[in-house]
Amino acid sequence: MKPNGEGKEEMIMREDEEIPEEFLKQMTERHRQAVEKLAALKVRTTTLTEQEDRKRVLDLLRTHSFKRGKFTLSSGKESDFYLDCKKALTTTGLACIGSLFSGLIVKKFADIQGVGGMTMGADPLAVATCLCAGMFYDVEWQAFYVRKEPKKHGTEQWIEGPALDEGARVVIVEDVITTGASAIKAIQRARIHRLNPVLVLALVDRCEDDGRQNIEAEGLPVCPLFTRQDFIPDGA
């Protein structure tokens, strides 16, 4: 052992020297503790029911994202409420959303290869969904990101991320549906890259401007976790 300058000792080994047994025991114990912590985290997460996940996400959206008042939306139209879903994307929020989205996809489609949408609103949702799919369902999906403008150099592509096979079945994710324009752009640009979008998942459908119907006109089913009624009950 040799002092490392911080009052601690570090091990300096020669190539032909055997590793001390006590050191191996310490490393084995640390590894065991790390594995137990990871296992406990996975068990605790996977034992949450879908209903509990939904409640946690809705509570986060109501607390951090939802506002009443007069707002001008990106479409230029006015609305009596506003949702900034990014405010709800805490560690807990992303874990629950990823679990809910991946569970919905697995129930509907068995051969998905990718999950993505328009940057930047869809980026964390796509990553969370793919991570949870791998953890809970032992499947490997690739997260992809649809650019607002094509790359100005090189391949001039619309989509970033790991390579996906031509014809790959993919899911488009969205934070909020208003007119549906963002999801439709993602669908169309995925098709330009010869991907096959089969489903649109959203956190919230505002139930305004025929957004859901506009997306469905592209030939895809739409599945939001929540709608306007979850924030503003009828008559309120």
Protein backbone atom coordinates (compact mmCIF):
# COMPACT_ATOMS: atom_id res chain seq x y z
CA MET A 1 0.00 0.00 0.00
CA LYS A 2 1.08 3.57 -0.69
CA PRO A 3 -0.33 6.99 0.49
CA ASN A 4 -2.24 8.70 -2.32
CA GLY A 5 -1.74 12.29 -1.16
CA GLU A 6 -5.14 12.52 0.50
CA GLY A 7 -4.29 10.60 3.63
CA LYS A 8 -5.67 7.38 2.16
CA GLU A 9 -3.87 4.36 0.86
CA GLU A 10 -4.11 2.95 -2.62
CA MET A 11 -2.89 -0.36 -3.97
CA ILE A 12 0.04 -0.35 -6.40
CA MET A 13 0.46 -3.80 -7.95
CA ARG A 14 3.19 -5.37 -10.02
CA GLU A 15 2.02 -7.38 -13.02
CA ASP A 16 3.35 -10.61 -11.51
CA GLU A 17 1.99 -9.96 -8.01
CA GLU A 18 -1.11 -11.76 -6.72
CA ILE A 19 -4.06 -9.66 -5.53
CA PRO A 20 -4.37 -9.90 -1.72
CA GLU A 21 -7.30 -12.01 -0.54
CA GLU A 22 -8.54 -9.27 1.80
CA PHE A 23 -8.74 -6.82 -1.10
CA LEU A 24 -10.74 -9.33 -3.15
CA LYS A 25 -13.14 -9.81 -0.24
CA GLN A 26 -13.68 -6.05 0.03
CA MET A 27 -14.37 -5.69 -3.68
CA THR A 28 -16.74 -8.69 -3.66
CA GLU A 29 -18.68 -7.20 -0.76
CA ARG A 30 -18.97 -3.82 -2.48
CA HIS A 31 -20.19 -5.52 -5.64
CA ARG A 32 -22.76 -7.51 -3.67
CA GLN A 33 -24.06 -4.34 -1.99
CA ALA A 34 -24.31 -2.54 -5.33
CA VAL A 35 -26.23 -5.43 -6.90
CA GLU A 36 -28.61 -5.56 -3.93
CA LYS A 37 -29.30 -1.82 -4.22
CA LEU A 38 -30.05 -2.11 -7.93
CA ALA A 39 -32.26 -5.14 -7.35
CA ALA A 40 -34.17 -3.34 -4.60
CA LEU A 41 -34.71 -0.34 -6.87
CA LYS A 42 -36.03 -2.52 -9.69
CA VAL A 43 -38.35 -4.49 -7.39
CA ARG A 44 -39.68 -1.32 -5.81
CA THR A 45 -40.31 0.25 -9.20
CA THR A 46 -41.87 -2.75 -10.90
CA THR A 47 -44.23 -3.45 -8.01
CA LEU A 48 -45.95 -0.12 -8.60
CA THR A 49 -49.28 -0.70 -10.28
CA GLU A 50 -50.32 1.10 -13.44
CA GLN A 51 -52.89 3.00 -11.38
CA GLU A 52 -50.20 4.20 -8.95
CA ASP A 53 -47.94 5.28 -11.82
CA ARG A 54 -50.80 7.24 -13.39
CA LYS A 55 -51.62 8.93 -10.09
CA ARG A 56 -48.01 9.99 -9.56
CA VAL A 57 -47.71 11.45 -13.06
CA LEU A 58 -51.07 13.24 -12.82
CA ASP A 59 -50.15 14.69 -9.42
CA LEU A 60 -46.88 16.01 -10.87
CA LEU A 61 -48.65 17.53 -13.88
CA ARG A 62 -51.33 19.17 -11.73
CA THR A 63 -48.78 20.52 -9.27
CA HIS A 64 -45.98 21.68 -11.58
CA SER A 65 -47.32 21.94 -15.14
CA PHE A 66 -50.95 23.05 -15.12
CA LYS A 67 -52.02 26.72 -15.03
CA ARG A 68 -55.39 28.41 -15.48
CA GLY A 69 -55.75 31.77 -17.22
CA LYS A 70 -55.55 33.25 -20.70
CA PHE A 71 -52.70 31.90 -22.78
CA THR A 72 -51.61 32.08 -26.40
CA LEU A 73 -50.52 28.65 -27.61
CA SER A 74 -47.84 27.83 -30.16
CA SER A 75 -50.65 27.44 -32.71
CA GLY A 76 -51.50 31.13 -32.17
CA LYS A 77 -54.87 30.34 -30.61
CA GLU A 78 -55.93 31.35 -27.12
CA SER A 79 -56.77 28.87 -24.38
CA ASP A 80 -58.01 29.03 -20.80
CA PHE A 81 -55.28 26.71 -19.51
CA TYR A 82 -51.64 25.92 -20.14
CA LEU A 83 -49.54 22.80 -19.62
CA ASP A 84 -45.74 22.83 -19.48
CA CYS A 85 -45.16 19.09 -19.19
CA LYS A 86 -41.39 19.49 -18.92
CA LYS A 87 -41.91 20.76 -15.36
CA ALA A 88 -43.22 17.31 -14.41
CA LEU A 89 -40.26 15.38 -15.82
CA THR A 90 -38.63 14.70 -12.47
CA THR A 91 -36.84 11.43 -11.76
CA THR A 92 -40.10 9.99 -10.46
CA GLY A 93 -42.08 11.46 -13.32
CA LEU A 94 -39.83 10.02 -16.01
CA ALA A 95 -39.71 6.60 -14.32
CA CYS A 96 -43.51 6.42 -14.14
CA ILE A 97 -44.05 7.78 -17.66
CA GLY A 98 -41.49 5.36 -19.06
CA SER A 99 -43.20 2.49 -17.28
CA LEU A 100 -46.66 3.51 -18.51
CA PHE A 101 -45.60 4.14 -22.12
CA SER A 102 -43.56 0.95 -22.42
CA GLY A 103 -46.39 -1.07 -20.89
CA LEU A 104 -48.91 0.34 -23.36
CA ILE A 105 -46.63 -0.41 -26.31
CA VAL A 106 -45.90 -3.98 -25.22
CA LYS A 107 -49.64 -4.66 -24.89
CA LYS A 108 -50.36 -3.42 -28.43
CA PHE A 109 -47.27 -4.35 -30.48
CA ALA A 110 -44.69 -7.11 -30.11
CA ASP A 111 -42.15 -6.02 -32.72
CA ILE A 112 -41.39 -2.36 -32.08
CA GLN A 113 -37.84 -1.25 -32.84
CA GLY A 114 -37.85 2.43 -31.96
CA VAL A 115 -39.54 5.20 -29.99
CA GLY A 116 -39.17 8.90 -30.77
CA GLY A 117 -40.73 12.20 -31.69
CA MET A 118 -40.11 15.88 -32.32
CA THR A 119 -37.22 17.34 -30.39
CA MET A 120 -37.19 18.55 -27.71
CA GLY A 121 -40.52 17.74 -26.09
CA ALA A 122 -40.42 14.07 -27.05
CA ASP A 123 -36.74 13.43 -26.29
CA PRO A 124 -36.93 12.61 -22.56
CA LEU A 125 -40.14 10.63 -23.08
CA ALA A 126 -38.53 8.46 -25.75
CA VAL A 127 -35.44 7.77 -23.65
CA ALA A 128 -37.48 6.96 -20.52
CA THR A 129 -39.72 4.61 -22.50
CA CYS A 130 -36.81 2.69 -24.04
CA LEU A 131 -35.01 2.41 -20.70
CA CYS A 132 -38.09 1.04 -18.94
CA ALA A 133 -38.79 -1.34 -21.81
CA GLY A 134 -35.34 -2.83 -21.37
CA MET A 135 -35.60 -3.02 -17.58
CA PHE A 136 -39.11 -4.42 -17.28
CA TYR A 137 -39.74 -6.31 -20.53
CA ASP A 138 -36.24 -7.30 -21.65
CA VAL A 139 -36.64 -5.72 -25.09
CA GLU A 140 -34.26 -3.39 -26.88
CA TRP A 141 -35.84 -0.34 -28.47
CA GLN A 142 -33.87 2.57 -29.89
CA ALA A 143 -34.74 6.14 -28.97
CA PHE A 144 -34.69 8.50 -31.97
CA TYR A 145 -35.04 12.25 -32.28
CA VAL A 146 -36.81 14.10 -35.07
CA ARG A 147 -35.16 17.40 -35.95
CA LYS A 148 -37.13 20.58 -36.51
CA GLU A 149 -34.86 21.36 -39.44
CA PRO A 150 -32.79 18.89 -41.47
CA LYS A 151 -29.08 18.72 -40.75
CA LYS A 152 -27.33 21.37 -42.83
CA HIS A 153 -24.32 19.19 -43.66
CA GLY A 154 -23.32 15.59 -44.16
CA THR A 155 -26.35 13.34 -44.53
CA GLU A 156 -28.86 16.22 -44.24
CA GLN A 157 -31.12 13.87 -42.31
CA TRP A 158 -34.24 14.61 -40.30
CA ILE A 159 -33.71 11.90 -37.69
CA GLU A 160 -30.90 11.43 -35.17
CA GLY A 161 -30.09 8.41 -33.04
CA PRO A 162 -29.01 4.78 -33.46
CA ALA A 163 -29.62 3.28 -36.90
CA LEU A 164 -33.02 1.69 -37.46
CA ASP A 165 -33.80 -0.89 -40.15
CA GLU A 166 -35.76 0.16 -43.20
CA GLY A 167 -39.42 -0.53 -42.50
CA ALA A 168 -38.84 -0.64 -38.73
CA ARG A 169 -42.06 -0.28 -36.75
CA VAL A 170 -41.77 2.74 -34.45
CA VAL A 171 -43.89 4.60 -31.92
CA ILE A 172 -44.20 8.39 -31.92
CA VAL A 173 -44.36 10.05 -28.49
CA GLU A 174 -45.60 13.54 -27.68
CA ASP A 175 -46.01 15.59 -24.53
CA VAL A 176 -49.14 17.61 -25.41
CA ILE A 177 -51.55 17.25 -28.33
CA THR A 178 -53.25 20.48 -29.42
CA THR A 179 -53.56 20.63 -33.22
CA GLY A 180 -51.53 17.45 -33.69
CA ALA A 181 -49.08 19.28 -35.98
CA SER A 182 -45.97 18.23 -34.06
CA ALA A 183 -46.85 14.54 -34.03
CA ILE A 184 -47.82 14.67 -37.72
CA LYS A 185 -44.44 16.18 -38.63
CA ALA A 186 -42.72 13.42 -36.69
CA ILE A 187 -44.79 10.78 -38.50
CA GLN A 188 -44.09 12.24 -41.92
CA ARG A 189 -40.36 12.64 -41.31
CA ALA A 190 -40.11 9.10 -39.97
CA ARG A 191 -41.73 7.93 -43.19
CA ILE A 192 -39.22 9.93 -45.23
CA HIS A 193 -36.57 7.79 -43.54
CA ARG A 194 -38.56 4.69 -44.47
CA LEU A 195 -39.65 3.94 -40.94
CA ASN A 196 -43.15 2.64 -40.21
CA PRO A 197 -44.92 4.60 -37.44
CA VAL A 198 -47.71 2.49 -35.93
CA LEU A 199 -48.85 4.37 -32.81
CA VAL A 200 -48.84 7.80 -31.19
CA LEU A 201 -48.59 8.06 -27.41
CA ALA A 202 -49.09 11.37 -25.62
CA LEU A 203 -49.01 12.58 -22.06
CA VAL A 204 -51.98 14.90 -22.51
CA ASP A 205 -54.62 15.46 -25.19
CA ARG A 206 -55.98 18.99 -24.75
CA CYS A 207 -59.12 17.98 -26.69
CA GLU A 208 -58.95 21.15 -28.78
CA ASP A 209 -58.58 21.93 -32.48
CA ASP A 210 -59.29 18.33 -33.54
CA GLY A 211 -55.70 17.40 -32.70
CA ARG A 212 -56.38 13.72 -32.12
CA GLN A 213 -58.53 13.44 -35.24
CA ASN A 214 -55.82 15.14 -37.32
CA ILE A 215 -53.26 12.56 -36.22
CA GLU A 216 -55.66 9.67 -36.76
CA ALA A 217 -56.13 10.93 -40.33
CA GLU A 218 -52.52 9.83 -40.86
CA GLY A 219 -53.68 6.29 -40.22
CA LEU A 220 -52.34 5.87 -36.68
CA PRO A 221 -54.16 5.20 -33.41
CA VAL A 222 -53.63 7.80 -30.67
CA CYS A 223 -53.38 6.92 -27.00
CA PRO A 224 -53.07 9.77 -24.47
CA LEU A 225 -52.50 9.12 -20.77
CA PHE A 226 -54.65 12.12 -19.78
CA THR A 227 -57.10 14.57 -21.32
CA ARG A 228 -58.47 18.03 -20.53
CA GLN A 229 -61.05 16.46 -18.23
CA ASP A 230 -58.30 15.27 -15.88
CA PHE A 231 -57.42 18.91 -15.22
CA ILE A 232 -60.67 20.79 -15.84
CA PRO A 233 -63.79 18.73 -15.11
CA ASP A 234 -66.79 19.38 -17.36
CA GLY A 235 -68.59 22.53 -16.26
CA ALA A 236 -65.61 23.90 -14.31
